[in-house]
Amino acid sequence: YKDKIRELIHFYKFQKKVYLSKVIAKILYDLIVE
């Protein structure tokens, strides 16, 4: 949790950039399938 990933989560949660849910879902998908 630092740098760009911290920025991504902050934008999504606190600046309501809801379209970023797709980006976060893809990260989790790659992790789970791995």
Full PDB file with SEQRES, HELIX, SHEET, SSBOND, CRYST1, ORIGX, SCALE, CONECT and MASTER records, all heavy atoms in Angstrom:
SEQRES   1 A   34  TYR LYS ASP LYS ILE ARG GLU LEU ILE HIS PHE TYR LYS          
SEQRES   2 A   34  PHE GLN LYS LYS VAL TYR LEU SER LYS VAL ILE ALA LYS          
SEQRES   3 A   34  ILE LEU TYR ASP LEU ILE VAL GLU                              
HELIX    1 AA1 ASP A    3  PHE A   14  1                                  12    
HELIX    2 AA2 VAL A   18  LEU A   20  5                                   3    
HELIX    3 AA3 SER A   21  VAL A   33  1                                  13    
CRYST1    1.000    1.000    1.000  90.00  90.00  90.00 P 1           1          
ORIGX1      1.000000  0.000000  0.000000        0.00000                         
ORIGX2      0.000000  1.000000  0.000000        0.00000                         
ORIGX3      0.000000  0.000000  1.000000        0.00000                         
SCALE1      1.000000  0.000000  0.000000        0.00000                         
SCALE2      0.000000  1.000000  0.000000        0.00000                         
SCALE3      0.000000  0.000000  1.000000        0.00000                         
ATOM      1  N   TYR A   1       0.844  -1.202   0.000  1.00  0.00           N  
ATOM      2  CA  TYR A   1       0.000   0.000   0.000  1.00  0.00           C  
ATOM      3  C   TYR A   1       0.878   1.250   0.000  1.00  0.00           C  
ATOM      4  O   TYR A   1       1.199   1.813   1.044  1.00  0.00           O  
ATOM      5  CB  TYR A   1      -0.924  -0.021   1.213  1.00  0.00           C  
ATOM      6  CG  TYR A   1      -1.902   1.133   1.267  1.00  0.00           C  
ATOM      7  CD1 TYR A   1      -2.813   1.340   0.237  1.00  0.00           C  
ATOM      8  CD2 TYR A   1      -1.915   2.001   2.350  1.00  0.00           C  
ATOM      9  CE1 TYR A   1      -3.718   2.384   0.278  1.00  0.00           C  
ATOM     10  CE2 TYR A   1      -2.826   3.052   2.406  1.00  0.00           C  
ATOM     11  CZ  TYR A   1      -3.718   3.238   1.378  1.00  0.00           C  
ATOM     12  OH  TYR A   1      -4.616   4.291   1.420  1.00  0.00           O  
ATOM     13  N   LYS A   2       1.284   1.665  -1.197  1.00  0.00           N  
ATOM     14  CA  LYS A   2       2.093   2.877  -1.336  1.00  0.00           C  
ATOM     15  C   LYS A   2       2.019   3.356  -2.787  1.00  0.00           C  
ATOM     16  O   LYS A   2       1.506   2.663  -3.673  1.00  0.00           O  
ATOM     17  CB  LYS A   2       3.551   2.620  -0.941  1.00  0.00           C  
ATOM     18  CG  LYS A   2       4.277   1.628  -1.834  1.00  0.00           C  
ATOM     19  CD  LYS A   2       5.740   1.482  -1.409  1.00  0.00           C  
ATOM     20  CE  LYS A   2       6.497   0.562  -2.351  1.00  0.00           C  
ATOM     21  NZ  LYS A   2       7.925   0.432  -1.981  1.00  0.00           N  
ATOM     22  N   ASP A   3       2.516   4.549  -3.012  1.00  0.00           N  
ATOM     23  CA  ASP A   3       2.663   5.110  -4.358  1.00  0.00           C  
ATOM     24  C   ASP A   3       1.362   5.014  -5.161  1.00  0.00           C  
ATOM     25  O   ASP A   3       0.323   5.430  -4.702  1.00  0.00           O  
ATOM     26  CB  ASP A   3       3.830   4.421  -5.084  1.00  0.00           C  
ATOM     27  CG  ASP A   3       5.143   4.542  -4.330  1.00  0.00           C  
ATOM     28  OD1 ASP A   3       5.289   5.526  -3.578  1.00  0.00           O  
ATOM     29  OD2 ASP A   3       6.008   3.662  -4.462  1.00  0.00           O  
ATOM     30  N   LYS A   4       1.432   4.433  -6.374  1.00  0.00           N  
ATOM     31  CA  LYS A   4       0.306   4.435  -7.301  1.00  0.00           C  
ATOM     32  C   LYS A   4      -0.892   3.638  -6.791  1.00  0.00           C  
ATOM     33  O   LYS A   4      -2.047   4.007  -7.032  1.00  0.00           O  
ATOM     34  CB  LYS A   4       0.737   3.887  -8.662  1.00  0.00           C  
ATOM     35  CG  LYS A   4       1.422   4.906  -9.556  1.00  0.00           C  
ATOM     36  CD  LYS A   4       0.405   5.938 -10.056  1.00  0.00           C  
ATOM     37  CE  LYS A   4       1.034   6.922 -11.021  1.00  0.00           C  
ATOM     38  NZ  LYS A   4       0.064   7.933 -11.477  1.00  0.00           N  
ATOM     39  N   ILE A   5      -0.634   2.537  -6.097  1.00  0.00           N  
ATOM     40  CA  ILE A   5      -1.754   1.723  -5.607  1.00  0.00           C  
ATOM     41  C   ILE A   5      -2.499   2.460  -4.491  1.00  0.00           C  
ATOM     42  O   ILE A   5      -3.725   2.405  -4.391  1.00  0.00           O  
ATOM     43  CB  ILE A   5      -1.284   0.326  -5.136  1.00  0.00           C  
ATOM     44  CG1 ILE A   5      -2.470  -0.649  -5.110  1.00  0.00           C  
ATOM     45  CG2 ILE A   5      -0.602   0.372  -3.784  1.00  0.00           C  
ATOM     46  CD1 ILE A   5      -2.951  -1.084  -6.443  1.00  0.00           C  
ATOM     47  N   ARG A   6      -1.742   3.193  -3.672  1.00  0.00           N  
ATOM     48  CA  ARG A   6      -2.365   4.009  -2.628  1.00  0.00           C  
ATOM     49  C   ARG A   6      -3.202   5.126  -3.264  1.00  0.00           C  
ATOM     50  O   ARG A   6      -4.315   5.419  -2.826  1.00  0.00           O  
ATOM     51  CB  ARG A   6      -1.282   4.605  -1.719  1.00  0.00           C  
ATOM     52  CG  ARG A   6      -1.822   5.390  -0.527  1.00  0.00           C  
ATOM     53  CD  ARG A   6      -0.666   5.909   0.323  1.00  0.00           C  
ATOM     54  NE  ARG A   6      -1.146   6.566   1.514  1.00  0.00           N  
ATOM     55  CZ  ARG A   6      -1.564   7.828   1.563  1.00  0.00           C  
ATOM     56  NH1 ARG A   6      -1.550   8.577   0.457  1.00  0.00           N  
ATOM     57  NH2 ARG A   6      -1.990   8.356   2.695  1.00  0.00           N  
ATOM     58  N   GLU A   7      -2.665   5.710  -4.319  1.00  0.00           N  
ATOM     59  CA  GLU A   7      -3.370   6.772  -5.033  1.00  0.00           C  
ATOM     60  C   GLU A   7      -4.659   6.234  -5.664  1.00  0.00           C  
ATOM     61  O   GLU A   7      -5.705   6.885  -5.612  1.00  0.00           O  
ATOM     62  CB  GLU A   7      -2.447   7.341  -6.116  1.00  0.00           C  
ATOM     63  CG  GLU A   7      -2.986   8.577  -6.813  1.00  0.00           C  
ATOM     64  CD  GLU A   7      -2.008   9.117  -7.844  1.00  0.00           C  
ATOM     65  OE1 GLU A   7      -0.856   8.643  -7.900  1.00  0.00           O  
ATOM     66  OE2 GLU A   7      -2.413  10.007  -8.612  1.00  0.00           O  
ATOM     67  N   LEU A   8      -4.566   5.051  -6.257  1.00  0.00           N  
ATOM     68  CA  LEU A   8      -5.741   4.428  -6.861  1.00  0.00           C  
ATOM     69  C   LEU A   8      -6.860   4.224  -5.843  1.00  0.00           C  
ATOM     70  O   LEU A   8      -8.011   4.608  -6.076  1.00  0.00           O  
ATOM     71  CB  LEU A   8      -5.344   3.074  -7.463  1.00  0.00           C  
ATOM     72  CG  LEU A   8      -6.484   2.147  -7.885  1.00  0.00           C  
ATOM     73  CD1 LEU A   8      -7.269   2.732  -9.045  1.00  0.00           C  
ATOM     74  CD2 LEU A   8      -5.962   0.751  -8.233  1.00  0.00           C  
ATOM     75  N   ILE A   9      -6.525   3.630  -4.702  1.00  0.00           N  
ATOM     76  CA  ILE A   9      -7.538   3.353  -3.674  1.00  0.00           C  
ATOM     77  C   ILE A   9      -8.097   4.645  -3.101  1.00  0.00           C  
ATOM     78  O   ILE A   9      -9.302   4.764  -2.853  1.00  0.00           O  
ATOM     79  CB  ILE A   9      -6.942   2.454  -2.565  1.00  0.00           C  
ATOM     80  CG1 ILE A   9      -6.622   1.065  -3.149  1.00  0.00           C  
ATOM     81  CG2 ILE A   9      -7.894   2.321  -1.383  1.00  0.00           C  
ATOM     82  CD1 ILE A   9      -5.860   0.151  -2.221  1.00  0.00           C  
ATOM     83  N   HIS A  10      -7.233   5.634  -2.916  1.00  0.00           N  
ATOM     84  CA  HIS A  10      -7.685   6.927  -2.384  1.00  0.00           C  
ATOM     85  C   HIS A  10      -8.651   7.599  -3.355  1.00  0.00           C  
ATOM     86  O   HIS A  10      -9.707   8.091  -2.950  1.00  0.00           O  
ATOM     87  CB  HIS A  10      -6.478   7.832  -2.131  1.00  0.00           C  
ATOM     88  CG  HIS A  10      -6.850   9.171  -1.561  1.00  0.00           C  
ATOM     89  ND1 HIS A  10      -7.020   9.383  -0.210  1.00  0.00           N  
ATOM     90  CD2 HIS A  10      -7.124  10.356  -2.167  1.00  0.00           C  
ATOM     91  CE1 HIS A  10      -7.364  10.639  -0.012  1.00  0.00           C  
ATOM     92  NE2 HIS A  10      -7.431  11.250  -1.179  1.00  0.00           N  
ATOM     93  N   PHE A  11      -8.309   7.638  -4.626  1.00  0.00           N  
ATOM     94  CA  PHE A  11      -9.195   8.236  -5.636  1.00  0.00           C  
ATOM     95  C   PHE A  11     -10.545   7.540  -5.656  1.00  0.00           C  
ATOM     96  O   PHE A  11     -11.593   8.169  -5.744  1.00  0.00           O  
ATOM     97  CB  PHE A  11      -8.564   8.151  -7.028  1.00  0.00           C  
ATOM     98  CG  PHE A  11      -7.554   9.230  -7.317  1.00  0.00           C  
ATOM     99  CD1 PHE A  11      -6.811   9.195  -8.490  1.00  0.00           C  
ATOM    100  CD2 PHE A  11      -7.337  10.273  -6.439  1.00  0.00           C  
ATOM    101  CE1 PHE A  11      -5.879  10.181  -8.779  1.00  0.00           C  
ATOM    102  CE2 PHE A  11      -6.411  11.268  -6.710  1.00  0.00           C  
ATOM    103  CZ  PHE A  11      -5.684  11.219  -7.874  1.00  0.00           C  
ATOM    104  N   TYR A  12     -10.488   6.214  -5.592  1.00  0.00           N  
ATOM    105  CA  TYR A  12     -11.722   5.427  -5.667  1.00  0.00           C  
ATOM    106  C   TYR A  12     -12.622   5.645  -4.444  1.00  0.00           C  
ATOM    107  O   TYR A  12     -13.809   5.956  -4.576  1.00  0.00           O  
ATOM    108  CB  TYR A  12     -11.366   3.946  -5.808  1.00  0.00           C  
ATOM    109  CG  TYR A  12     -12.568   3.035  -5.798  1.00  0.00           C  
ATOM    110  CD1 TYR A  12     -13.605   3.208  -6.717  1.00  0.00           C  
ATOM    111  CD2 TYR A  12     -12.684   1.996  -4.878  1.00  0.00           C  
ATOM    112  CE1 TYR A  12     -14.711   2.381  -6.718  1.00  0.00           C  
ATOM    113  CE2 TYR A  12     -13.775   1.163  -4.877  1.00  0.00           C  
ATOM    114  CZ  TYR A  12     -14.797   1.352  -5.794  1.00  0.00           C  
ATOM    115  OH  TYR A  12     -15.893   0.535  -5.786  1.00  0.00           O  
ATOM    116  N   LYS A  13     -12.055   5.515  -3.254  1.00  0.00           N  
ATOM    117  CA  LYS A  13     -12.864   5.576  -2.032  1.00  0.00           C  
ATOM    118  C   LYS A  13     -13.287   6.985  -1.653  1.00  0.00           C  
ATOM    119  O   LYS A  13     -14.430   7.212  -1.250  1.00  0.00           O  
ATOM    120  CB  LYS A  13     -12.085   4.960  -0.853  1.00  0.00           C  
ATOM    121  CG  LYS A  13     -11.997   3.466  -0.876  1.00  0.00           C  
ATOM    122  CD  LYS A  13     -11.122   2.933   0.247  1.00  0.00           C  
ATOM    123  CE  LYS A  13     -11.738   3.072   1.601  1.00  0.00           C  
ATOM    124  NZ  LYS A  13     -10.955   2.374   2.642  1.00  0.00           N  
ATOM    125  N   PHE A  14     -12.357   7.925  -1.744  1.00  0.00           N  
ATOM    126  CA  PHE A  14     -12.600   9.239  -1.156  1.00  0.00           C  
ATOM    127  C   PHE A  14     -12.898  10.340  -2.171  1.00  0.00           C  
ATOM    128  O   PHE A  14     -13.435  11.382  -1.810  1.00  0.00           O  
ATOM    129  CB  PHE A  14     -11.404   9.637  -0.286  1.00  0.00           C  
ATOM    130  CG  PHE A  14     -11.099   8.626   0.789  1.00  0.00           C  
ATOM    131  CD1 PHE A  14      -9.924   7.894   0.766  1.00  0.00           C  
ATOM    132  CD2 PHE A  14     -12.009   8.383   1.813  1.00  0.00           C  
ATOM    133  CE1 PHE A  14      -9.650   6.937   1.739  1.00  0.00           C  
ATOM    134  CE2 PHE A  14     -11.740   7.431   2.789  1.00  0.00           C  
ATOM    135  CZ  PHE A  14     -10.568   6.708   2.754  1.00  0.00           C  
ATOM    136  N   GLN A  15     -12.542  10.112  -3.435  1.00  0.00           N  
ATOM    137  CA  GLN A  15     -12.905  11.078  -4.469  1.00  0.00           C  
ATOM    138  C   GLN A  15     -14.011  10.546  -5.382  1.00  0.00           C  
ATOM    139  O   GLN A  15     -14.325  11.145  -6.401  1.00  0.00           O  
ATOM    140  CB  GLN A  15     -11.668  11.480  -5.273  1.00  0.00           C  
ATOM    141  CG  GLN A  15     -10.634  12.208  -4.417  1.00  0.00           C  
ATOM    142  CD  GLN A  15      -9.543  12.842  -5.260  1.00  0.00           C  
ATOM    143  OE1 GLN A  15      -9.711  13.124  -6.446  1.00  0.00           O  
ATOM    144  NE2 GLN A  15      -8.391  13.071  -4.642  1.00  0.00           N  
ATOM    145  N   LYS A  16     -14.550   9.385  -5.009  1.00  0.00           N  
ATOM    146  CA  LYS A  16     -15.733   8.810  -5.664  1.00  0.00           C  
ATOM    147  C   LYS A  16     -15.537   8.579  -7.161  1.00  0.00           C  
ATOM    148  O   LYS A  16     -16.457   8.778  -7.947  1.00  0.00           O  
ATOM    149  CB  LYS A  16     -16.959   9.679  -5.398  1.00  0.00           C  
ATOM    150  CG  LYS A  16     -17.273   9.850  -3.915  1.00  0.00           C  
ATOM    151  CD  LYS A  16     -18.514  10.683  -3.675  1.00  0.00           C  
ATOM    152  CE  LYS A  16     -18.773  10.850  -2.188  1.00  0.00           C  
ATOM    153  NZ  LYS A  16     -19.971  11.660  -1.906  1.00  0.00           N  
ATOM    154  N   LYS A  17     -14.337   8.147  -7.528  1.00  0.00           N  
ATOM    155  CA  LYS A  17     -14.087   7.786  -8.923  1.00  0.00           C  
ATOM    156  C   LYS A  17     -14.553   6.334  -9.105  1.00  0.00           C  
ATOM    157  O   LYS A  17     -13.760   5.393  -9.184  1.00  0.00           O  
ATOM    158  CB  LYS A  17     -12.603   7.915  -9.268  1.00  0.00           C  
ATOM    159  CG  LYS A  17     -11.971   9.243  -8.881  1.00  0.00           C  
ATOM    160  CD  LYS A  17     -12.487  10.393  -9.727  1.00  0.00           C  
ATOM    161  CE  LYS A  17     -11.717  11.688  -9.442  1.00  0.00           C  
ATOM    162  NZ  LYS A  17     -12.235  12.838 -10.186  1.00  0.00           N  
ATOM    163  N   VAL A  18     -15.872   6.157  -9.174  1.00  0.00           N  
ATOM    164  CA  VAL A  18     -16.450   4.816  -9.112  1.00  0.00           C  
ATOM    165  C   VAL A  18     -16.064   3.939 -10.300  1.00  0.00           C  
ATOM    166  O   VAL A  18     -16.078   2.709 -10.200  1.00  0.00           O  
ATOM    167  CB  VAL A  18     -17.988   4.881  -8.969  1.00  0.00           C  
ATOM    168  CG1 VAL A  18     -18.377   5.483  -7.638  1.00  0.00           C  
ATOM    169  CG2 VAL A  18     -18.618   5.666 -10.107  1.00  0.00           C  
ATOM    170  N   TYR A  19     -15.710   4.551 -11.425  1.00  0.00           N  
ATOM    171  CA  TYR A  19     -15.312   3.772 -12.589  1.00  0.00           C  
ATOM    172  C   TYR A  19     -14.038   2.976 -12.326  1.00  0.00           C  
ATOM    173  O   TYR A  19     -13.741   1.998 -13.025  1.00  0.00           O  
ATOM    174  CB  TYR A  19     -15.128   4.674 -13.813  1.00  0.00           C  
ATOM    175  CG  TYR A  19     -14.119   5.786 -13.642  1.00  0.00           C  
ATOM    176  CD1 TYR A  19     -12.770   5.564 -13.894  1.00  0.00           C  
ATOM    177  CD2 TYR A  19     -14.508   7.053 -13.218  1.00  0.00           C  
ATOM    178  CE1 TYR A  19     -11.837   6.572 -13.726  1.00  0.00           C  
ATOM    179  CE2 TYR A  19     -13.583   8.070 -13.045  1.00  0.00           C  
ATOM    180  CZ  TYR A  19     -12.250   7.830 -13.304  1.00  0.00           C  
ATOM    181  OH  TYR A  19     -11.326   8.835 -13.133  1.00  0.00           O  
ATOM    182  N   LEU A  20     -13.273   3.364 -11.287  1.00  0.00           N  
ATOM    183  CA  LEU A  20     -12.048   2.652 -10.952  1.00  0.00           C  
ATOM    184  C   LEU A  20     -12.321   1.289 -10.309  1.00  0.00           C  
ATOM    185  O   LEU A  20     -11.395   0.507 -10.095  1.00  0.00           O  
ATOM    186  CB  LEU A  20     -11.167   3.498 -10.033  1.00  0.00           C  
ATOM    187  CG  LEU A  20     -10.555   4.744 -10.686  1.00  0.00           C  
ATOM    188  CD1 LEU A  20      -9.817   5.593  -9.659  1.00  0.00           C  
ATOM    189  CD2 LEU A  20      -9.623   4.374 -11.834  1.00  0.00           C  
ATOM    190  N   SER A  21     -13.590   1.015 -10.011  1.00  0.00           N  
ATOM    191  CA  SER A  21     -13.946  -0.309  -9.484  1.00  0.00           C  
ATOM    192  C   SER A  21     -13.531  -1.403 -10.465  1.00  0.00           C  
ATOM    193  O   SER A  21     -13.159  -2.511 -10.064  1.00  0.00           O  
ATOM    194  CB  SER A  21     -15.447  -0.394  -9.200  1.00  0.00           C  
ATOM    195  OG  SER A  21     -16.201  -0.200 -10.380  1.00  0.00           O  
ATOM    196  N   LYS A  22     -13.577  -1.098 -11.772  1.00  0.00           N  
ATOM    197  CA  LYS A  22     -13.177  -2.068 -12.798  1.00  0.00           C  
ATOM    198  C   LYS A  22     -11.672  -2.351 -12.729  1.00  0.00           C  
ATOM    199  O   LYS A  22     -11.244  -3.495 -12.902  1.00  0.00           O  
ATOM    200  CB  LYS A  22     -13.538  -1.546 -14.191  1.00  0.00           C  
ATOM    201  CG  LYS A  22     -15.029  -1.413 -14.457  1.00  0.00           C  
ATOM    202  CD  LYS A  22     -15.269  -0.856 -15.844  1.00  0.00           C  
ATOM    203  CE  LYS A  22     -16.754  -0.631 -16.106  1.00  0.00           C  
ATOM    204  NZ  LYS A  22     -17.487  -1.911 -16.222  1.00  0.00           N  
ATOM    205  N   VAL A  23     -10.887  -1.321 -12.467  1.00  0.00           N  
ATOM    206  CA  VAL A  23      -9.434  -1.484 -12.353  1.00  0.00           C  
ATOM    207  C   VAL A  23      -9.094  -2.346 -11.145  1.00  0.00           C  
ATOM    208  O   VAL A  23      -8.274  -3.268 -11.222  1.00  0.00           O  
ATOM    209  CB  VAL A  23      -8.739  -0.105 -12.240  1.00  0.00           C  
ATOM    210  CG1 VAL A  23      -7.229  -0.266 -12.074  1.00  0.00           C  
ATOM    211  CG2 VAL A  23      -9.048   0.760 -13.455  1.00  0.00           C  
ATOM    212  N   ILE A  24      -9.741  -2.048 -10.021  1.00  0.00           N  
ATOM    213  CA  ILE A  24      -9.485  -2.792  -8.784  1.00  0.00           C  
ATOM    214  C   ILE A  24      -9.946  -4.241  -8.919  1.00  0.00           C  
ATOM    215  O   ILE A  24      -9.270  -5.170  -8.462  1.00  0.00           O  
ATOM    216  CB  ILE A  24     -10.170  -2.087  -7.595  1.00  0.00           C  
ATOM    217  CG1 ILE A  24      -9.497  -0.728  -7.362  1.00  0.00           C  
ATOM    218  CG2 ILE A  24     -10.109  -2.942  -6.332  1.00  0.00           C  
ATOM    219  CD1 ILE A  24     -10.198   0.157  -6.351  1.00  0.00           C  
ATOM    220  N   ALA A  25     -11.090  -4.449  -9.570  1.00  0.00           N  
ATOM    221  CA  ALA A  25     -11.598  -5.805  -9.786  1.00  0.00           C  
ATOM    222  C   ALA A  25     -10.620  -6.627 -10.631  1.00  0.00           C  
ATOM    223  O   ALA A  25     -10.391  -7.811 -10.361  1.00  0.00           O  
ATOM    224  CB  ALA A  25     -12.967  -5.750 -10.455  1.00  0.00           C  
ATOM    225  N   LYS A  26     -10.026  -5.991 -11.643  1.00  0.00           N  
ATOM    226  CA  LYS A  26      -9.062  -6.707 -12.498  1.00  0.00           C  
ATOM    227  C   LYS A  26      -7.810  -7.094 -11.716  1.00  0.00           C  
ATOM    228  O   LYS A  26      -7.261  -8.192 -11.904  1.00  0.00           O  
ATOM    229  CB  LYS A  26      -8.676  -5.825 -13.693  1.00  0.00           C  
ATOM    230  CG  LYS A  26      -7.708  -6.481 -14.675  1.00  0.00           C  
ATOM    231  CD  LYS A  26      -8.274  -7.754 -15.260  1.00  0.00           C  
ATOM    232  CE  LYS A  26      -7.452  -8.274 -16.447  1.00  0.00           C  
ATOM    233  NZ  LYS A  26      -6.077  -8.600 -16.106  1.00  0.00           N  
ATOM    234  N   ILE A  27      -7.354  -6.227 -10.818  1.00  0.00           N  
ATOM    235  CA  ILE A  27      -6.200  -6.550  -9.963  1.00  0.00           C  
ATOM    236  C   ILE A  27      -6.513  -7.780  -9.122  1.00  0.00           C  
ATOM    237  O   ILE A  27      -5.716  -8.717  -9.033  1.00  0.00           O  
ATOM    238  CB  ILE A  27      -5.839  -5.354  -9.056  1.00  0.00           C  
ATOM    239  CG1 ILE A  27      -5.273  -4.197  -9.885  1.00  0.00           C  
ATOM    240  CG2 ILE A  27      -4.838  -5.778  -7.975  1.00  0.00           C  
ATOM    241  CD1 ILE A  27      -5.111  -2.904  -9.105  1.00  0.00           C  
ATOM    242  N   LEU A  28      -7.694  -7.780  -8.507  1.00  0.00           N  
ATOM    243  CA  LEU A  28      -8.087  -8.901  -7.658  1.00  0.00           C  
ATOM    244  C   LEU A  28      -8.284 -10.180  -8.469  1.00  0.00           C  
ATOM    245  O   LEU A  28      -7.928 -11.276  -8.028  1.00  0.00           O  
ATOM    246  CB  LEU A  28      -9.359  -8.552  -6.888  1.00  0.00           C  
ATOM    247  CG  LEU A  28      -9.164  -7.568  -5.730  1.00  0.00           C  
ATOM    248  CD1 LEU A  28     -10.497  -7.009  -5.265  1.00  0.00           C  
ATOM    249  CD2 LEU A  28      -8.429  -8.237  -4.567  1.00  0.00           C  
ATOM    250  N   TYR A  29      -8.838 -10.038  -9.654  1.00  0.00           N  
ATOM    251  CA  TYR A  29      -9.022 -11.206 -10.529  1.00  0.00           C  
ATOM    252  C   TYR A  29      -7.672 -11.862 -10.827  1.00  0.00           C  
ATOM    253  O   TYR A  29      -7.521 -13.094 -10.697  1.00  0.00           O  
ATOM    254  CB  TYR A  29      -9.704 -10.770 -11.824  1.00  0.00           C  
ATOM    255  CG  TYR A  29      -9.729 -11.860 -12.878  1.00  0.00           C  
ATOM    256  CD1 TYR A  29     -10.656 -12.889 -12.816  1.00  0.00           C  
ATOM    257  CD2 TYR A  29      -8.801 -11.844 -13.927  1.00  0.00           C  
ATOM    258  CE1 TYR A  29     -10.662 -13.899 -13.777  1.00  0.00           C  
ATOM    259  CE2 TYR A  29      -8.808 -12.851 -14.882  1.00  0.00           C  
ATOM    260  CZ  TYR A  29      -9.739 -13.868 -14.810  1.00  0.00           C  
ATOM    261  OH  TYR A  29      -9.742 -14.858 -15.755  1.00  0.00           O  
ATOM    262  N   ASP A  30      -6.707 -11.068 -11.235  1.00  0.00           N  
ATOM    263  CA  ASP A  30      -5.381 -11.608 -11.551  1.00  0.00           C  
ATOM    264  C   ASP A  30      -4.767 -12.304 -10.340  1.00  0.00           C  
ATOM    265  O   ASP A  30      -4.149 -13.370 -10.463  1.00  0.00           O  
ATOM    266  CB  ASP A  30      -4.451 -10.490 -12.031  1.00  0.00           C  
ATOM    267  CG  ASP A  30      -4.838  -9.951 -13.400  1.00  0.00           C  
ATOM    268  OD1 ASP A  30      -5.593 -10.628 -14.115  1.00  0.00           O  
ATOM    269  OD2 ASP A  30      -4.405  -8.828 -13.741  1.00  0.00           O  
ATOM    270  N   LEU A  31      -4.940 -11.705  -9.171  1.00  0.00           N  
ATOM    271  CA  LEU A  31      -4.389 -12.267  -7.934  1.00  0.00           C  
ATOM    272  C   LEU A  31      -5.061 -13.592  -7.583  1.00  0.00           C  
ATOM    273  O   LEU A  31      -4.384 -14.580  -7.258  1.00  0.00           O  
ATOM    274  CB  LEU A  31      -4.571 -11.257  -6.792  1.00  0.00           C  
ATOM    275  CG  LEU A  31      -4.132 -11.701  -5.394  1.00  0.00           C  
ATOM    276  CD1 LEU A  31      -2.623 -11.960  -5.354  1.00  0.00           C  
ATOM    277  CD2 LEU A  31      -4.518 -10.649  -4.348  1.00  0.00           C  
ATOM    278  N   ILE A  32      -6.377 -13.625  -7.632  1.00  0.00           N  
ATOM    279  CA  ILE A  32      -7.125 -14.829  -7.252  1.00  0.00           C  
ATOM    280  C   ILE A  32      -6.831 -15.981  -8.203  1.00  0.00           C  
ATOM    281  O   ILE A  32      -6.594 -17.120  -7.772  1.00  0.00           O  
ATOM    282  CB  ILE A  32      -8.642 -14.526  -7.199  1.00  0.00           C  
ATOM    283  CG1 ILE A  32      -8.945 -13.562  -6.051  1.00  0.00           C  
ATOM    284  CG2 ILE A  32      -9.448 -15.808  -7.036  1.00  0.00           C  
ATOM    285  CD1 ILE A  32     -10.328 -12.930  -6.111  1.00  0.00           C  
ATOM    286  N   VAL A  33      -6.830 -15.707  -9.493  1.00  0.00           N  
ATOM    287  CA  VAL A  33      -6.555 -16.763 -10.477  1.00  0.00           C  
ATOM    288  C   VAL A  33      -5.117 -17.269 -10.349  1.00  0.00           C  
ATOM    289  O   VAL A  33      -4.841 -18.457 -10.543  1.00  0.00           O  
ATOM    290  CB  VAL A  33      -6.843 -16.249 -11.908  1.00  0.00           C  
ATOM    291  CG1 VAL A  33      -6.344 -17.235 -12.951  1.00  0.00           C  
ATOM    292  CG2 VAL A  33      -8.338 -16.010 -12.084  1.00  0.00           C  
ATOM    293  N   GLU A  34      -4.203 -16.379  -9.997  1.00  0.00           N  
ATOM    294  CA  GLU A  34      -2.810 -16.781  -9.793  1.00  0.00           C  
ATOM    295  C   GLU A  34      -2.688 -17.742  -8.616  1.00  0.00           C  
ATOM    296  O   GLU A  34      -1.951 -18.743  -8.684  1.00  0.00           O  
ATOM    297  CB  GLU A  34      -1.945 -15.541  -9.550  1.00  0.00           C  
ATOM    298  CG  GLU A  34      -0.494 -15.816  -9.202  1.00  0.00           C  
ATOM    299  CD  GLU A  34       0.289 -16.452 -10.343  1.00  0.00           C  
ATOM    300  OE1 GLU A  34       0.067 -16.096 -11.514  1.00  0.00           O  
ATOM    301  OE2 GLU A  34       1.126 -17.346 -10.053  1.00  0.00           O  
TER     302      GLU A  34                                                      
MASTER        0    0    0    3    0    0    0    6  301    1    0    3          
END                                                                             
